[in-house]
């Protein structure tokens, strides 16, 4: 299991477009579980509704939790995607 902390810098937080991009990228890792931990709750990063329901705002810190065959690669690539501030 790999945990990676990411601060969301986008003014709109994890709104629909970045949530969709995150989900699409997370689903590329079919053999790896990808979760977002935020405010003592876990959300499925492979679900747009799951990501949106986290209500992550600008400057909130989330933790990506990846476990499976490609957990390290998934954590690095997903964190980089979120940090690009798109």
C-alpha atoms as a PDB file:
ATOM      1  CA  UNK A   1       0.000   0.000   0.000  1.00  0.00           C
ATOM      2  CA  UNK A   2       1.314   3.436  -0.987  1.00  0.00           C
ATOM      3  CA  UNK A   3       0.107   6.709   0.543  1.00  0.00           C
ATOM      4  CA  UNK A   4       0.839  10.060  -1.067  1.00  0.00           C
ATOM      5  CA  UNK A   5      -0.287  13.456   0.235  1.00  0.00           C
ATOM      6  CA  UNK A   6      -1.368  16.052  -2.318  1.00  0.00           C
ATOM      7  CA  UNK A   7      -2.472  19.651  -1.790  1.00  0.00           C
ATOM      8  CA  UNK A   8      -5.178  20.720  -4.234  1.00  0.00           C
ATOM      9  CA  UNK A   9      -4.204  24.100  -5.661  1.00  0.00           C
ATOM     10  CA  UNK A  10      -6.948  24.538  -8.249  1.00  0.00           C
ATOM     11  CA  UNK A  11      -9.231  27.480  -7.397  1.00  0.00           C
ATOM     12  CA  UNK A  12     -12.293  25.305  -7.898  1.00  0.00           C
ATOM     13  CA  UNK A  13     -10.937  22.314  -5.967  1.00  0.00           C
ATOM     14  CA  UNK A  14     -11.821  18.884  -7.334  1.00  0.00           C
ATOM     15  CA  UNK A  15     -14.777  19.977  -9.428  1.00  0.00           C
ATOM     16  CA  UNK A  16     -16.208  17.972 -12.327  1.00  0.00           C
ATOM     17  CA  UNK A  17     -13.412  18.302 -14.904  1.00  0.00           C
ATOM     18  CA  UNK A  18     -10.461  17.393 -12.645  1.00  0.00           C
ATOM     19  CA  UNK A  19     -12.550  14.704 -10.932  1.00  0.00           C
ATOM     20  CA  UNK A  20     -13.286  13.157 -14.315  1.00  0.00           C
ATOM     21  CA  UNK A  21      -9.613  13.295 -15.346  1.00  0.00           C
ATOM     22  CA  UNK A  22      -8.599  11.706 -12.046  1.00  0.00           C
ATOM     23  CA  UNK A  23     -11.152   8.906 -12.465  1.00  0.00           C
ATOM     24  CA  UNK A  24     -10.152   8.210 -16.059  1.00  0.00           C
ATOM     25  CA  UNK A  25      -6.489   7.973 -15.065  1.00  0.00           C
ATOM     26  CA  UNK A  26      -7.261   5.844 -11.981  1.00  0.00           C
ATOM     27  CA  UNK A  27      -9.268   3.402 -14.108  1.00  0.00           C
ATOM     28  CA  UNK A  28      -6.164   2.772 -16.226  1.00  0.00           C
ATOM     29  CA  UNK A  29      -4.910   0.859 -13.168  1.00  0.00           C
ATOM     30  CA  UNK A  30      -7.593  -1.828 -13.215  1.00  0.00           C
ATOM     31  CA  UNK A  31      -5.527  -4.131 -10.997  1.00  0.00           C
ATOM     32  CA  UNK A  32      -4.880  -1.421  -8.387  1.00  0.00           C
ATOM     33  CA  UNK A  33      -7.272   0.014  -5.812  1.00  0.00           C
ATOM     34  CA  UNK A  34      -7.197   3.828  -5.693  1.00  0.00           C
ATOM     35  CA  UNK A  35      -8.820   5.748  -2.845  1.00  0.00           C
ATOM     36  CA  UNK A  36      -8.837   9.352  -1.680  1.00  0.00           C
ATOM     37  CA  UNK A  37      -8.691   9.916   2.067  1.00  0.00           C
ATOM     38  CA  UNK A  38     -10.080  13.256   3.151  1.00  0.00           C
ATOM     39  CA  UNK A  39     -11.518  14.363   6.497  1.00  0.00           C
ATOM     40  CA  UNK A  40     -11.353  10.865   7.994  1.00  0.00           C
ATOM     41  CA  UNK A  41     -13.314   9.340   5.101  1.00  0.00           C
ATOM     42  CA  UNK A  42     -12.359   7.247   2.077  1.00  0.00           C
ATOM     43  CA  UNK A  43     -13.658   7.836  -1.437  1.00  0.00           C
ATOM     44  CA  UNK A  44     -13.272   5.659  -4.515  1.00  0.00           C
ATOM     45  CA  UNK A  45     -11.042   7.567  -6.961  1.00  0.00           C
ATOM     46  CA  UNK A  46     -12.406   5.453  -9.828  1.00  0.00           C
ATOM     47  CA  UNK A  47     -15.866   6.984  -9.348  1.00  0.00           C
ATOM     48  CA  UNK A  48     -16.620  10.570 -10.435  1.00  0.00           C
ATOM     49  CA  UNK A  49     -19.463  10.712  -7.917  1.00  0.00           C
ATOM     50  CA  UNK A  50     -17.158   9.375  -5.226  1.00  0.00           C
ATOM     51  CA  UNK A  51     -14.572  12.069  -5.904  1.00  0.00           C
ATOM     52  CA  UNK A  52     -17.170  14.836  -6.121  1.00  0.00           C
ATOM     53  CA  UNK A  53     -18.811  13.707  -2.883  1.00  0.00           C
ATOM     54  CA  UNK A  54     -15.528  14.352  -1.049  1.00  0.00           C
ATOM     55  CA  UNK A  55     -16.114  18.117  -1.597  1.00  0.00           C
ATOM     56  CA  UNK A  56     -12.391  18.888  -1.847  1.00  0.00           C
ATOM     57  CA  UNK A  57     -11.702  22.625  -2.069  1.00  0.00           C
ATOM     58  CA  UNK A  58      -8.648  24.710  -2.950  1.00  0.00           C
ATOM     59  CA  UNK A  59      -5.710  24.184  -0.567  1.00  0.00           C
ATOM     60  CA  UNK A  60      -7.245  21.063   0.991  1.00  0.00           C
ATOM     61  CA  UNK A  61      -4.785  18.224   1.515  1.00  0.00           C
ATOM     62  CA  UNK A  62      -5.869  14.763   0.434  1.00  0.00           C
ATOM     63  CA  UNK A  63      -4.102  11.435   0.690  1.00  0.00           C
ATOM     64  CA  UNK A  64      -4.048   9.102  -2.282  1.00  0.00           C
ATOM     65  CA  UNK A  65      -4.031   5.480  -1.148  1.00  0.00           C
ATOM     66  CA  UNK A  66      -3.089   2.933  -3.801  1.00  0.00           C
ATOM     67  CA  UNK A  67      -2.783  -0.798  -3.319  1.00  0.00           C
ATOM     68  CA  UNK A  68      -2.208  -3.486  -5.876  1.00  0.00           C
ATOM     69  CA  UNK A  69       0.184  -4.570  -8.583  1.00  0.00           C
ATOM     70  CA  UNK A  70       1.074  -1.061  -9.808  1.00  0.00           C
ATOM     71  CA  UNK A  71       0.480   0.929  -6.632  1.00  0.00           C
ATOM     72  CA  UNK A  72       3.668   3.012  -6.764  1.00  0.00           C
ATOM     73  CA  UNK A  73       3.218   3.997 -10.396  1.00  0.00           C
ATOM     74  CA  UNK A  74      -0.463   4.830  -9.818  1.00  0.00           C
ATOM     75  CA  UNK A  75       0.304   7.019  -6.787  1.00  0.00           C
ATOM     76  CA  UNK A  76       3.032   8.945  -8.612  1.00  0.00           C
ATOM     77  CA  UNK A  77       1.058   9.522 -11.811  1.00  0.00           C
ATOM     78  CA  UNK A  78      -2.190  10.448 -10.066  1.00  0.00           C
ATOM     79  CA  UNK A  79      -0.418  12.850  -7.703  1.00  0.00           C
ATOM     80  CA  UNK A  80       1.328  14.478 -10.671  1.00  0.00           C
ATOM     81  CA  UNK A  81      -2.018  14.840 -12.442  1.00  0.00           C
ATOM     82  CA  UNK A  82      -3.560  16.562  -9.422  1.00  0.00           C
ATOM     83  CA  UNK A  83      -0.539  18.793  -8.874  1.00  0.00           C
ATOM     84  CA  UNK A  84      -0.651  20.088 -12.454  1.00  0.00           C
ATOM     85  CA  UNK A  85      -3.513  22.339 -11.309  1.00  0.00           C
ATOM     86  CA  UNK A  86      -5.714  21.735 -14.356  1.00  0.00           C
END
